[in-house]
N, C-alpha and C. Protein backbone atom coordinates (compact mmCIF):
# COMPACT_ATOMS: atom_id res chain seq x y z
N UNK A 1 1.73 31.95 30.14
CA UNK A 1 1.11 32.65 31.23
C UNK A 1 0.70 31.67 32.33
N UNK A 2 0.17 30.53 31.89
CA UNK A 2 -0.25 29.52 32.88
C UNK A 2 0.95 28.97 33.62
N UNK A 3 2.06 28.81 32.91
CA UNK A 3 3.26 28.28 33.56
C UNK A 3 3.76 29.24 34.63
N UNK A 4 3.69 30.53 34.33
CA UNK A 4 4.15 31.51 35.32
C UNK A 4 3.26 31.49 36.56
N UNK A 5 1.97 31.41 36.32
CA UNK A 5 1.07 31.38 37.48
C UNK A 5 1.27 30.11 38.30
N UNK A 6 1.53 28.99 37.61
CA UNK A 6 1.77 27.73 38.34
C UNK A 6 3.05 27.83 39.17
N UNK A 7 4.07 28.44 38.60
CA UNK A 7 5.33 28.57 39.37
C UNK A 7 5.14 29.51 40.54
N UNK A 8 4.35 30.57 40.31
CA UNK A 8 4.11 31.51 41.43
C UNK A 8 3.33 30.80 42.54
N UNK A 9 2.34 30.04 42.15
CA UNK A 9 1.55 29.30 43.15
C UNK A 9 2.43 28.29 43.88
N UNK A 10 3.28 27.62 43.14
CA UNK A 10 4.18 26.63 43.78
C UNK A 10 5.11 27.31 44.76
N UNK A 11 5.63 28.48 44.37
CA UNK A 11 6.53 29.20 45.28
C UNK A 11 5.78 29.68 46.52
N UNK A 12 4.54 30.14 46.30
CA UNK A 12 3.76 30.56 47.46
C UNK A 12 3.46 29.39 48.39
N UNK A 13 3.21 28.25 47.81
CA UNK A 13 2.99 27.06 48.64
C UNK A 13 4.23 26.74 49.47
N UNK A 14 5.39 26.83 48.84
CA UNK A 14 6.63 26.57 49.58
C UNK A 14 6.82 27.59 50.69
N UNK A 15 6.55 28.84 50.37
CA UNK A 15 6.66 29.86 51.42
C UNK A 15 5.66 29.60 52.55
N UNK A 16 4.51 29.16 52.16
CA UNK A 16 3.48 28.86 53.16
C UNK A 16 3.93 27.72 54.08
N UNK A 17 4.47 26.69 53.50
CA UNK A 17 4.91 25.56 54.34
C UNK A 17 6.09 25.97 55.22
N UNK A 18 6.99 26.78 54.63
CA UNK A 18 8.12 27.24 55.45
C UNK A 18 7.64 28.12 56.58
N UNK A 19 6.76 29.05 56.25
CA UNK A 19 6.28 29.94 57.30
C UNK A 19 5.46 29.19 58.35
N UNK A 20 4.71 28.15 57.93
CA UNK A 20 3.96 27.36 58.89
C UNK A 20 4.91 26.61 59.84
N UNK A 21 5.96 26.09 59.27
CA UNK A 21 6.92 25.37 60.10
C UNK A 21 7.57 26.30 61.11
N UNK A 22 7.91 27.49 60.65
CA UNK A 22 8.56 28.43 61.56
C UNK A 22 7.57 28.92 62.62
N UNK A 23 6.39 29.13 62.23
CA UNK A 23 5.42 29.65 63.18
C UNK A 23 4.98 28.58 64.18
N UNK A 24 4.87 27.42 63.71
CA UNK A 24 4.48 26.37 64.65
C UNK A 24 5.58 26.17 65.69
N UNK A 25 6.79 26.35 65.24
CA UNK A 25 7.87 26.22 66.21
C UNK A 25 7.89 27.42 67.14
N UNK A 26 7.60 28.60 66.65
CA UNK A 26 7.66 29.79 67.49
C UNK A 26 6.40 29.89 68.35
N UNK A 27 5.31 29.87 67.65
CA UNK A 27 4.06 29.95 68.41
C UNK A 27 2.97 29.25 67.64
N UNK A 28 2.23 28.54 68.30
CA UNK A 28 1.18 27.76 67.65
C UNK A 28 -0.10 28.58 67.56
N UNK A 29 -0.15 29.69 68.25
CA UNK A 29 -1.38 30.49 68.25
C UNK A 29 -1.50 31.40 67.03
N UNK A 30 -0.41 31.81 66.42
CA UNK A 30 -0.45 32.77 65.30
C UNK A 30 -0.50 32.02 63.96
N UNK A 31 -1.66 31.78 63.47
CA UNK A 31 -1.85 31.15 62.16
C UNK A 31 -2.32 32.23 61.18
N UNK A 32 -1.66 32.23 60.04
CA UNK A 32 -1.98 33.25 59.04
C UNK A 32 -2.80 32.60 57.94
N UNK A 33 -3.76 33.36 57.44
CA UNK A 33 -4.62 32.83 56.40
C UNK A 33 -4.09 33.29 55.03
N UNK A 34 -3.48 32.38 54.27
CA UNK A 34 -2.88 32.67 52.95
C UNK A 34 -3.88 32.39 51.85
N UNK A 35 -4.94 31.80 52.14
CA UNK A 35 -5.93 31.46 51.11
C UNK A 35 -6.49 32.73 50.45
N UNK A 36 -6.63 33.80 51.18
CA UNK A 36 -7.15 35.05 50.59
C UNK A 36 -6.16 35.60 49.55
N UNK A 37 -4.85 35.51 49.86
CA UNK A 37 -3.83 35.96 48.91
C UNK A 37 -3.85 35.07 47.68
N UNK A 38 -4.01 33.78 47.95
CA UNK A 38 -4.04 32.83 46.85
C UNK A 38 -5.24 33.10 45.94
N UNK A 39 -6.38 33.38 46.48
CA UNK A 39 -7.57 33.68 45.66
C UNK A 39 -7.40 34.99 44.89
N UNK A 40 -6.76 35.99 45.51
CA UNK A 40 -6.50 37.26 44.80
C UNK A 40 -5.60 37.04 43.59
N UNK A 41 -4.55 36.25 43.79
CA UNK A 41 -3.62 35.97 42.69
C UNK A 41 -4.33 35.20 41.58
N UNK A 42 -5.13 34.22 41.95
CA UNK A 42 -5.86 33.45 40.95
C UNK A 42 -6.86 34.31 40.19
N UNK A 43 -7.54 35.23 40.90
CA UNK A 43 -8.48 36.15 40.24
C UNK A 43 -7.76 37.07 39.24
N UNK A 44 -6.64 37.59 39.68
CA UNK A 44 -5.85 38.49 38.81
C UNK A 44 -5.33 37.73 37.58
N UNK A 45 -4.88 36.52 37.78
CA UNK A 45 -4.42 35.68 36.67
C UNK A 45 -5.57 35.41 35.68
N UNK A 46 -6.74 35.13 36.22
CA UNK A 46 -7.90 34.88 35.37
C UNK A 46 -8.27 36.14 34.58
N UNK A 47 -8.23 37.31 35.20
CA UNK A 47 -8.53 38.56 34.51
C UNK A 47 -7.50 38.82 33.38
N UNK A 48 -6.22 38.60 33.69
CA UNK A 48 -5.17 38.78 32.68
C UNK A 48 -5.37 37.83 31.50
N UNK A 49 -5.72 36.59 31.82
CA UNK A 49 -5.95 35.61 30.77
C UNK A 49 -7.13 36.03 29.89
N UNK A 50 -8.24 36.46 30.48
CA UNK A 50 -9.41 36.89 29.72
C UNK A 50 -9.08 38.10 28.84
N UNK A 51 -8.33 39.06 29.39
CA UNK A 51 -7.94 40.25 28.64
C UNK A 51 -7.07 39.87 27.44
N UNK A 52 -6.09 38.99 27.68
CA UNK A 52 -5.20 38.55 26.60
C UNK A 52 -5.97 37.80 25.52
N UNK A 53 -6.90 36.93 25.95
CA UNK A 53 -7.69 36.19 24.98
C UNK A 53 -8.57 37.12 24.16
N UNK A 54 -9.13 38.16 24.78
CA UNK A 54 -9.97 39.13 24.06
C UNK A 54 -9.15 39.89 23.02
N UNK A 55 -7.96 40.31 23.42
CA UNK A 55 -7.08 41.04 22.49
C UNK A 55 -6.65 40.15 21.33
N UNK A 56 -6.32 38.86 21.64
CA UNK A 56 -5.91 37.94 20.59
C UNK A 56 -7.04 37.66 19.61
N UNK A 57 -8.26 37.50 20.12
CA UNK A 57 -9.39 37.25 19.22
C UNK A 57 -9.66 38.48 18.34
N UNK A 58 -9.53 39.68 18.90
CA UNK A 58 -9.72 40.90 18.13
C UNK A 58 -8.66 41.02 17.03
N UNK A 59 -7.43 40.70 17.37
CA UNK A 59 -6.33 40.73 16.40
C UNK A 59 -6.55 39.70 15.30
N UNK A 60 -6.98 38.50 15.72
CA UNK A 60 -7.23 37.44 14.74
C UNK A 60 -8.37 37.83 13.81
N UNK A 61 -9.43 38.45 14.34
CA UNK A 61 -10.54 38.90 13.50
C UNK A 61 -10.07 39.94 12.49
N UNK A 62 -9.20 40.86 12.92
CA UNK A 62 -8.69 41.89 11.99
C UNK A 62 -7.88 41.25 10.88
N UNK A 63 -7.06 40.28 11.21
CA UNK A 63 -6.25 39.58 10.20
C UNK A 63 -7.16 38.83 9.23
N UNK A 64 -8.18 38.17 9.76
CA UNK A 64 -9.11 37.42 8.91
C UNK A 64 -9.85 38.37 7.97
N UNK A 65 -10.27 39.53 8.48
CA UNK A 65 -10.96 40.51 7.63
C UNK A 65 -10.04 41.00 6.51
N UNK A 66 -8.79 41.29 6.84
CA UNK A 66 -7.84 41.74 5.82
C UNK A 66 -7.60 40.66 4.78
N UNK A 67 -7.47 39.41 5.23
CA UNK A 67 -7.28 38.31 4.28
C UNK A 67 -8.50 38.14 3.39
N UNK A 68 -9.70 38.30 3.96
CA UNK A 68 -10.91 38.18 3.16
C UNK A 68 -10.99 39.26 2.08
N UNK A 69 -10.66 40.51 2.46
CA UNK A 69 -10.70 41.59 1.46
C UNK A 69 -9.65 41.35 0.37
N UNK A 70 -8.48 40.84 0.77
CA UNK A 70 -7.45 40.53 -0.23
C UNK A 70 -7.92 39.43 -1.17
N UNK A 71 -8.53 38.40 -0.61
CA UNK A 71 -9.06 37.32 -1.44
C UNK A 71 -10.15 37.82 -2.38
N UNK A 72 -11.02 38.71 -1.88
CA UNK A 72 -12.07 39.26 -2.73
C UNK A 72 -11.47 40.04 -3.90
N UNK A 73 -10.46 40.83 -3.60
CA UNK A 73 -9.83 41.63 -4.66
C UNK A 73 -9.15 40.74 -5.70
N UNK A 74 -8.44 39.72 -5.22
CA UNK A 74 -7.76 38.84 -6.18
C UNK A 74 -8.78 38.06 -7.00
N UNK A 75 -9.90 37.65 -6.38
CA UNK A 75 -10.91 36.91 -7.15
C UNK A 75 -11.55 37.84 -8.18
N UNK A 76 -11.74 39.12 -7.86
CA UNK A 76 -12.29 40.06 -8.84
C UNK A 76 -11.33 40.24 -10.01
N UNK A 77 -10.05 40.30 -9.71
CA UNK A 77 -9.06 40.46 -10.78
C UNK A 77 -9.04 39.23 -11.67
N UNK A 78 -9.08 38.05 -11.07
CA UNK A 78 -9.03 36.83 -11.87
C UNK A 78 -10.33 36.62 -12.64
N UNK A 79 -11.45 37.09 -12.09
CA UNK A 79 -12.73 36.93 -12.76
C UNK A 79 -12.95 37.97 -13.84
N UNK A 80 -12.20 39.07 -13.81
CA UNK A 80 -12.40 40.11 -14.82
C UNK A 80 -12.02 39.57 -16.19
N UNK A 81 -12.57 40.22 -17.21
CA UNK A 81 -12.37 39.73 -18.58
C UNK A 81 -10.92 39.93 -18.99
N UNK A 82 -10.31 38.87 -19.42
CA UNK A 82 -8.91 38.92 -19.87
C UNK A 82 -8.89 39.50 -21.29
N UNK A 83 -7.92 40.37 -21.60
CA UNK A 83 -7.85 40.93 -22.95
C UNK A 83 -7.45 39.85 -23.96
N UNK A 84 -7.87 40.04 -25.17
CA UNK A 84 -7.57 39.10 -26.23
C UNK A 84 -6.23 39.51 -26.86
N UNK A 85 -5.19 38.80 -26.48
CA UNK A 85 -3.86 39.17 -26.92
C UNK A 85 -3.65 38.91 -28.41
N UNK A 86 -4.39 37.99 -28.97
CA UNK A 86 -4.27 37.71 -30.40
C UNK A 86 -4.75 38.90 -31.22
N UNK A 87 -5.87 39.50 -30.81
CA UNK A 87 -6.36 40.69 -31.51
C UNK A 87 -5.39 41.84 -31.40
N UNK A 88 -4.84 42.01 -30.22
CA UNK A 88 -3.88 43.09 -30.01
C UNK A 88 -2.64 42.87 -30.88
N UNK A 89 -2.15 41.65 -30.94
CA UNK A 89 -0.98 41.33 -31.76
C UNK A 89 -1.29 41.60 -33.24
N UNK A 90 -2.48 41.18 -33.70
CA UNK A 90 -2.86 41.39 -35.10
C UNK A 90 -2.94 42.88 -35.43
N UNK A 91 -3.52 43.67 -34.53
CA UNK A 91 -3.63 45.12 -34.75
C UNK A 91 -2.25 45.76 -34.79
N UNK A 92 -1.35 45.35 -33.91
CA UNK A 92 0.00 45.90 -33.91
C UNK A 92 0.75 45.54 -35.19
N UNK A 93 0.56 44.31 -35.69
CA UNK A 93 1.21 43.92 -36.94
C UNK A 93 0.69 44.74 -38.11
N UNK A 94 -0.64 44.97 -38.15
CA UNK A 94 -1.21 45.79 -39.21
C UNK A 94 -0.67 47.22 -39.14
N UNK A 95 -0.56 47.75 -37.94
CA UNK A 95 -0.03 49.11 -37.77
C UNK A 95 1.42 49.19 -38.25
N UNK A 96 2.21 48.19 -37.90
CA UNK A 96 3.61 48.18 -38.35
C UNK A 96 3.69 48.10 -39.86
N UNK A 97 2.83 47.30 -40.51
CA UNK A 97 2.82 47.21 -41.97
C UNK A 97 2.43 48.54 -42.59
N UNK A 98 1.41 49.21 -42.01
CA UNK A 98 0.99 50.51 -42.53
C UNK A 98 2.09 51.54 -42.42
N UNK A 99 2.80 51.53 -41.32
CA UNK A 99 3.91 52.48 -41.13
C UNK A 99 5.01 52.21 -42.14
N UNK A 100 5.31 50.93 -42.39
CA UNK A 100 6.33 50.59 -43.38
C UNK A 100 5.91 51.05 -44.77
N UNK A 101 4.62 50.90 -45.12
CA UNK A 101 4.14 51.35 -46.42
C UNK A 101 4.25 52.86 -46.55
N UNK A 102 3.90 53.57 -45.50
CA UNK A 102 3.98 55.03 -45.53
C UNK A 102 5.44 55.47 -45.67
N UNK A 103 6.33 54.83 -44.96
CA UNK A 103 7.76 55.18 -45.05
C UNK A 103 8.30 54.87 -46.44
N UNK A 104 7.80 53.79 -47.07
CA UNK A 104 8.28 53.44 -48.40
C UNK A 104 7.79 54.47 -49.42
N UNK A 105 6.59 55.00 -49.24
CA UNK A 105 6.05 55.98 -50.18
C UNK A 105 6.69 57.35 -50.03
N UNK A 106 6.97 57.74 -48.82
CA UNK A 106 7.46 59.09 -48.56
C UNK A 106 8.84 59.03 -47.92
N UNK A 107 9.82 58.90 -48.76
CA UNK A 107 11.20 58.93 -48.24
C UNK A 107 11.61 60.40 -48.13
N UNK A 108 11.94 60.80 -46.96
CA UNK A 108 12.38 62.16 -46.71
C UNK A 108 13.84 62.12 -46.33
N UNK A 109 14.64 62.85 -47.08
CA UNK A 109 16.05 62.94 -46.75
C UNK A 109 16.24 64.12 -45.82
N UNK A 110 16.54 63.82 -44.62
CA UNK A 110 16.75 64.87 -43.64
C UNK A 110 18.24 65.15 -43.54
N UNK A 111 18.58 66.40 -43.72
CA UNK A 111 19.97 66.81 -43.52
C UNK A 111 19.96 67.98 -42.57
N UNK A 112 20.95 68.03 -41.80
CA UNK A 112 21.07 69.11 -40.82
C UNK A 112 22.29 69.94 -41.16
N UNK A 113 22.07 71.21 -41.14
CA UNK A 113 23.17 72.13 -41.41
C UNK A 113 23.50 72.86 -40.12
N UNK A 114 24.74 72.91 -39.83
CA UNK A 114 25.15 73.66 -38.64
C UNK A 114 26.29 74.59 -39.05
N UNK A 115 26.32 75.71 -38.40
CA UNK A 115 27.36 76.69 -38.69
C UNK A 115 28.09 76.97 -37.39
N UNK A 116 29.29 76.53 -37.33
CA UNK A 116 30.10 76.74 -36.13
C UNK A 116 31.39 77.42 -36.56
N UNK A 117 31.80 78.36 -35.78
CA UNK A 117 33.03 79.10 -36.09
C UNK A 117 34.22 78.41 -35.44
N UNK A 118 34.50 77.22 -35.91
CA UNK A 118 35.58 76.44 -35.32
C UNK A 118 36.85 76.46 -36.15
N UNK A 119 36.72 76.77 -37.42
CA UNK A 119 37.90 76.75 -38.28
C UNK A 119 38.23 78.16 -38.76
N UNK A 120 39.43 78.32 -39.30
CA UNK A 120 39.85 79.63 -39.82
C UNK A 120 39.05 79.99 -41.06
N UNK A 121 38.68 78.98 -41.85
CA UNK A 121 37.91 79.23 -43.06
C UNK A 121 36.57 79.89 -42.72
N UNK A 122 35.87 79.40 -41.70
CA UNK A 122 34.58 79.99 -41.30
C UNK A 122 34.76 81.43 -40.86
N UNK A 123 35.80 81.71 -40.11
CA UNK A 123 36.06 83.08 -39.66
C UNK A 123 36.36 83.98 -40.85
N UNK A 124 37.15 83.49 -41.81
CA UNK A 124 37.50 84.30 -42.97
C UNK A 124 36.25 84.65 -43.78
N UNK A 125 35.36 83.68 -43.96
CA UNK A 125 34.12 83.93 -44.70
C UNK A 125 33.27 84.95 -43.97
N UNK A 126 33.13 84.80 -42.67
CA UNK A 126 32.33 85.73 -41.88
C UNK A 126 32.91 87.14 -41.94
N UNK A 127 34.21 87.27 -41.84
CA UNK A 127 34.85 88.59 -41.86
C UNK A 127 34.66 89.25 -43.23
N UNK A 128 34.60 88.49 -44.28
CA UNK A 128 34.40 89.06 -45.62
C UNK A 128 32.94 89.36 -45.90
N UNK A 129 32.03 88.60 -45.35
CA UNK A 129 30.60 88.81 -45.62
C UNK A 129 30.08 90.07 -44.94
N UNK A 130 30.47 90.31 -43.69
CA UNK A 130 29.93 91.45 -42.94
C UNK A 130 30.25 92.78 -43.63
N UNK A 131 31.48 93.07 -43.99
CA UNK A 131 31.72 94.35 -44.70
C UNK A 131 31.01 94.41 -46.06
N UNK A 132 30.88 93.27 -46.75
CA UNK A 132 30.19 93.26 -48.03
C UNK A 132 28.72 93.67 -47.86
N UNK A 133 28.06 93.11 -46.86
CA UNK A 133 26.65 93.44 -46.63
C UNK A 133 26.52 94.91 -46.23
N UNK A 134 27.39 95.40 -45.36
CA UNK A 134 27.35 96.81 -44.94
C UNK A 134 27.58 97.76 -46.09
N UNK A 135 28.55 97.46 -46.92
CA UNK A 135 28.82 98.35 -48.06
C UNK A 135 27.69 98.28 -49.08
N UNK A 136 27.06 97.13 -49.26
CA UNK A 136 25.93 97.02 -50.19
C UNK A 136 24.76 97.87 -49.73
N UNK A 137 24.50 97.86 -48.46
CA UNK A 137 23.39 98.66 -47.93
C UNK A 137 23.68 100.15 -48.12
N UNK A 138 24.90 100.57 -47.79
CA UNK A 138 25.22 102.00 -47.92
C UNK A 138 25.22 102.43 -49.39
N UNK A 139 25.67 101.58 -50.29
CA UNK A 139 25.64 101.92 -51.72
C UNK A 139 24.21 102.07 -52.20
N UNK A 140 23.33 101.17 -51.79
CA UNK A 140 21.92 101.29 -52.19
C UNK A 140 21.30 102.58 -51.67
N UNK A 141 21.65 102.97 -50.48
CA UNK A 141 21.11 104.21 -49.91
C UNK A 141 21.58 105.42 -50.72
N UNK A 142 22.86 105.48 -50.99
CA UNK A 142 23.39 106.66 -51.69
C UNK A 142 22.99 106.67 -53.17
N UNK A 143 22.76 105.52 -53.76
CA UNK A 143 22.31 105.47 -55.15
C UNK A 143 20.87 105.94 -55.25
N UNK A 144 20.03 105.60 -54.27
CA UNK A 144 18.63 106.00 -54.33
C UNK A 144 18.42 107.44 -53.87
N UNK A 145 19.37 108.02 -53.20
CA UNK A 145 19.22 109.38 -52.68
C UNK A 145 19.06 110.42 -53.80
N UNK A 146 19.82 110.39 -54.89
CA UNK A 146 19.61 111.39 -55.95
C UNK A 146 18.20 111.31 -56.55
N UNK A 147 17.60 110.16 -56.55
CA UNK A 147 16.23 110.05 -57.05
C UNK A 147 15.28 110.86 -56.19
N UNK A 148 15.47 110.86 -54.89
CA UNK A 148 14.63 111.67 -53.99
C UNK A 148 14.83 113.15 -54.28
N UNK A 149 16.08 113.53 -54.52
CA UNK A 149 16.35 114.94 -54.83
C UNK A 149 15.65 115.34 -56.14
N UNK A 150 15.67 114.49 -57.15
CA UNK A 150 15.00 114.80 -58.43
C UNK A 150 13.50 114.90 -58.23
N UNK A 151 12.95 113.99 -57.39
CA UNK A 151 11.50 114.02 -57.14
C UNK A 151 11.14 115.33 -56.45
N UNK A 152 11.97 115.76 -55.47
CA UNK A 152 11.72 117.03 -54.77
C UNK A 152 11.81 118.21 -55.76
N UNK A 153 12.82 118.19 -56.63
CA UNK A 153 12.96 119.28 -57.61
C UNK A 153 11.77 119.31 -58.56
N UNK A 154 11.27 118.14 -58.97
CA UNK A 154 10.08 118.10 -59.83
C UNK A 154 8.88 118.69 -59.12
N UNK A 155 8.75 118.37 -57.83
CA UNK A 155 7.63 118.89 -57.04
C UNK A 155 7.73 120.41 -56.92
N UNK A 156 8.95 120.92 -56.73
CA UNK A 156 9.14 122.39 -56.63
C UNK A 156 8.75 123.05 -57.94
N UNK A 157 9.22 122.51 -59.06
CA UNK A 157 8.95 123.16 -60.34
C UNK A 157 7.47 123.10 -60.69
N UNK A 158 6.82 121.99 -60.39
CA UNK A 158 5.38 121.92 -60.68
C UNK A 158 4.60 122.86 -59.78
N UNK A 159 5.03 123.06 -58.55
CA UNK A 159 4.36 123.99 -57.64
C UNK A 159 4.52 125.41 -58.15
N UNK A 160 5.73 125.76 -58.61
CA UNK A 160 5.97 127.12 -59.12
C UNK A 160 5.17 127.32 -60.40
N UNK A 161 5.14 126.34 -61.28
CA UNK A 161 4.35 126.47 -62.52
C UNK A 161 2.87 126.62 -62.21
N UNK A 162 2.39 125.96 -61.16
CA UNK A 162 0.99 126.04 -60.79
C UNK A 162 0.65 127.43 -60.25
N UNK A 163 1.55 128.00 -59.44
CA UNK A 163 1.32 129.32 -58.85
C UNK A 163 1.55 130.42 -59.88
N UNK A 164 2.34 130.14 -60.85
CA UNK A 164 2.63 131.15 -61.87
C UNK A 164 3.95 131.82 -61.61
N UNK A 165 4.08 132.57 -60.57
CA UNK A 165 5.31 133.26 -60.20
C UNK A 165 5.72 132.80 -58.83
N UNK A 166 7.01 132.91 -58.57
CA UNK A 166 7.52 132.52 -57.25
C UNK A 166 8.54 133.56 -56.82
N UNK A 167 8.33 134.05 -55.64
CA UNK A 167 9.29 135.00 -55.09
C UNK A 167 10.40 134.25 -54.38
N UNK A 168 11.39 135.03 -53.99
CA UNK A 168 12.53 134.43 -53.30
C UNK A 168 12.09 133.79 -51.98
N UNK A 169 11.13 134.39 -51.30
CA UNK A 169 10.65 133.86 -50.02
C UNK A 169 9.88 132.55 -50.23
N UNK A 170 9.09 132.44 -51.29
CA UNK A 170 8.36 131.21 -51.55
C UNK A 170 9.31 130.05 -51.87
N UNK A 171 10.37 130.36 -52.63
CA UNK A 171 11.35 129.32 -52.95
C UNK A 171 12.07 128.87 -51.68
N UNK A 172 12.40 129.81 -50.78
CA UNK A 172 13.04 129.47 -49.51
C UNK A 172 12.10 128.61 -48.66
N UNK A 173 10.82 128.97 -48.69
CA UNK A 173 9.85 128.18 -47.94
C UNK A 173 9.76 126.75 -48.51
N UNK A 174 9.76 126.62 -49.84
CA UNK A 174 9.76 125.30 -50.46
C UNK A 174 11.01 124.51 -50.09
N UNK A 175 12.16 125.17 -50.05
CA UNK A 175 13.40 124.50 -49.67
C UNK A 175 13.32 124.01 -48.22
N UNK A 176 12.71 124.81 -47.35
CA UNK A 176 12.58 124.41 -45.94
C UNK A 176 11.63 123.21 -45.79
N UNK A 177 10.54 123.23 -46.59
CA UNK A 177 9.59 122.12 -46.51
C UNK A 177 10.22 120.83 -47.03
N UNK A 178 10.97 120.91 -48.14
CA UNK A 178 11.55 119.73 -48.77
C UNK A 178 12.98 119.46 -48.33
N UNK A 179 13.51 120.21 -47.39
CA UNK A 179 14.90 120.08 -46.97
C UNK A 179 15.11 118.92 -46.01
N UNK A 180 16.19 118.97 -45.24
CA UNK A 180 16.52 117.87 -44.33
C UNK A 180 15.44 117.62 -43.28
N UNK A 181 14.79 118.69 -42.82
CA UNK A 181 13.69 118.52 -41.86
C UNK A 181 12.39 118.57 -42.64
N UNK A 182 12.08 117.50 -43.31
CA UNK A 182 10.93 117.44 -44.21
C UNK A 182 9.63 117.51 -43.42
N UNK A 183 8.68 118.26 -43.96
CA UNK A 183 7.34 118.33 -43.39
C UNK A 183 6.42 117.54 -44.32
N UNK A 184 6.20 116.29 -43.98
CA UNK A 184 5.47 115.39 -44.88
C UNK A 184 4.01 115.79 -45.05
N UNK A 185 3.41 116.43 -44.05
CA UNK A 185 2.01 116.86 -44.19
C UNK A 185 1.89 117.94 -45.27
N UNK A 186 2.78 118.90 -45.25
CA UNK A 186 2.73 119.98 -46.24
C UNK A 186 3.09 119.45 -47.62
N UNK A 187 4.00 118.48 -47.70
CA UNK A 187 4.36 117.88 -48.99
C UNK A 187 3.15 117.15 -49.56
N UNK A 188 2.41 116.43 -48.71
CA UNK A 188 1.19 115.76 -49.16
C UNK A 188 0.16 116.75 -49.65
N UNK A 189 0.01 117.91 -49.01
CA UNK A 189 -0.94 118.94 -49.44
C UNK A 189 -0.51 119.52 -50.80
N UNK A 190 0.82 119.69 -50.98
CA UNK A 190 1.32 120.24 -52.24
C UNK A 190 1.02 119.29 -53.39
N UNK A 191 1.13 118.00 -53.17
CA UNK A 191 0.90 117.02 -54.24
C UNK A 191 -0.57 116.98 -54.64
N UNK A 192 -1.46 117.28 -53.71
CA UNK A 192 -2.90 117.27 -54.04
C UNK A 192 -3.20 118.49 -54.84
């Protein structure tokens, strides 16, 4: 900044001498006062220098503050209690030994079973199992069905024996109660 102001002043001086030479040759009465311009330039240069110095000092203070906080943080970290790595290593070794002992005591054989229909054999087994299960269910249903009919017939005969006589209408009513559209409430009342 100082170099620029010096060059500007030097150039103004040269202009001043040139203009003085020209004016003295043209007219000796017209003298111009350049000192006021020179003082204005010097004042402006001084103001710029002061402004720049103020900004630089402010910037330097901010950097110093940041460095101080960083130093404080690093000193706190270094001053903090360091963990005892020997204790940690000993605890980890004990834990590993305990795990090995537990694994030695409890051996578990893990096997995984998967069923994928990728081969013809799997499909053949599946095709044979499904009809077998369906037919078994239907056979159990039809085998147990006559037992229900016998139970219903026993209930009818005990009801008729209890009443003494039974007319054709009462027997029809019993057939309707115990028939395909069973009335479970009335059947429960009959059993009581």
